[in-house]
Protein backbone atom coordinates (compact mmCIF):
# COMPACT_ATOMS: atom_id res chain seq x y z
CA UNK A 1 0.00 0.00 0.00
CA UNK A 2 1.31 3.46 -0.86
CA UNK A 3 0.90 6.14 1.75
CA UNK A 4 0.46 9.81 1.02
CA UNK A 5 2.74 11.75 3.34
CA UNK A 6 0.06 13.65 5.27
CA UNK A 7 -2.98 11.43 4.71
CA UNK A 8 -4.07 10.18 8.13
CA UNK A 9 -6.51 7.78 6.46
CA UNK A 10 -3.63 5.90 4.90
CA UNK A 11 -1.43 6.03 8.00
CA UNK A 12 -3.96 4.49 10.38
CA UNK A 13 -4.11 1.19 8.44
CA UNK A 14 -0.31 0.96 8.39
CA UNK A 15 -0.01 1.69 12.09
CA UNK A 16 -2.73 -0.73 13.17
CA UNK A 17 -1.31 -3.57 11.08
CA UNK A 18 2.27 -2.86 12.10
CA UNK A 19 1.60 -2.75 15.81
CA UNK A 20 -0.58 -5.85 15.63
CA UNK A 21 2.19 -7.79 13.86
CA UNK A 22 4.80 -6.40 16.26
CA UNK A 23 2.77 -7.93 19.10
CA UNK A 24 2.51 -11.27 17.25
CA UNK A 25 -1.27 -11.01 17.20
CA UNK A 26 -3.56 -12.28 14.45
CA UNK A 27 -6.43 -10.30 13.01
CA UNK A 28 -8.76 -12.82 14.61
CA UNK A 29 -7.22 -12.32 18.06
CA UNK A 30 -7.53 -8.55 17.79
CA UNK A 31 -11.09 -8.83 16.53
CA UNK A 32 -12.10 -10.85 19.58
CA UNK A 33 -10.49 -8.35 21.95
CA UNK A 34 -12.33 -5.37 20.47
CA UNK A 35 -15.55 -7.24 19.66
CA UNK A 36 -15.60 -6.80 15.89
CA UNK A 37 -15.36 -9.30 13.07
CA UNK A 38 -12.06 -10.45 11.62
CA UNK A 39 -13.22 -8.94 8.33
CA UNK A 40 -13.55 -5.56 10.04
CA UNK A 41 -9.91 -5.72 11.17
CA UNK A 42 -8.96 -6.57 7.60
CA UNK A 43 -10.89 -3.52 6.37
CA UNK A 44 -9.15 -1.30 8.93
CA UNK A 45 -5.76 -2.58 7.82
CA UNK A 46 -6.49 -2.23 4.11
CA UNK A 47 -7.89 1.26 4.56
CA UNK A 48 -11.35 0.50 3.22
CA UNK A 49 -12.83 1.37 6.64
CA UNK A 50 -11.64 3.64 9.41
CA UNK A 51 -12.24 2.70 13.04
CA UNK A 52 -14.38 5.07 15.08
CA UNK A 53 -12.85 6.84 18.06
CA UNK A 54 -14.07 4.25 20.58
CA UNK A 55 -12.43 1.50 18.54
CA UNK A 56 -9.23 3.51 18.19
CA UNK A 57 -9.12 3.89 21.99
CA UNK A 58 -9.67 0.16 22.44
CA UNK A 59 -6.86 -0.69 20.00
CA UNK A 60 -4.54 1.83 21.65
CA UNK A 61 -5.30 0.38 25.10
CA UNK A 62 -4.63 -3.19 23.94
CA UNK A 63 -1.21 -2.25 22.57
CA UNK A 64 -0.43 0.26 25.31
CA UNK A 65 0.02 3.18 22.91
CA UNK A 66 -1.79 6.48 22.53
CA UNK A 67 -4.45 7.14 19.94
CA UNK A 68 -2.13 9.87 18.72
CA UNK A 69 0.46 7.17 17.99
CA UNK A 70 -2.09 5.30 15.83
CA UNK A 71 -3.09 8.38 13.85
CA UNK A 72 0.36 9.97 13.71
CA UNK A 73 0.98 10.98 10.12
CA UNK A 74 4.77 10.89 10.58
CA UNK A 75 5.20 7.40 9.15
CA UNK A 76 9.00 7.62 9.16
CA UNK A 77 8.94 8.15 12.93
CA UNK A 78 6.43 5.34 13.43
CA UNK A 79 8.45 2.98 11.22
CA UNK A 80 11.57 3.61 13.30
CA UNK A 81 9.59 2.98 16.51
CA UNK A 82 8.25 -0.29 15.08
CA UNK A 83 11.78 -1.26 14.07
CA UNK A 84 13.11 -0.40 17.53
CA UNK A 85 15.31 2.45 16.30
């Protein structure tokens, strides 16, 4: 997926997928924790749907990050945090 530099709607999918994978969690596991379908997680990660604020808070809580981290449009910074740099 290509991300436009300042497009928060393309950054959210990247950040959700990246942090889920970083925590070795499947889409199914995350879907159970936030009470949505596995297909919904897939839509969030592909960018065809955007989670509402309550869902963003739930995802942030599960991974112990801020909502700001999930919506941060500075993908270079987020990539380095995911890579442990």
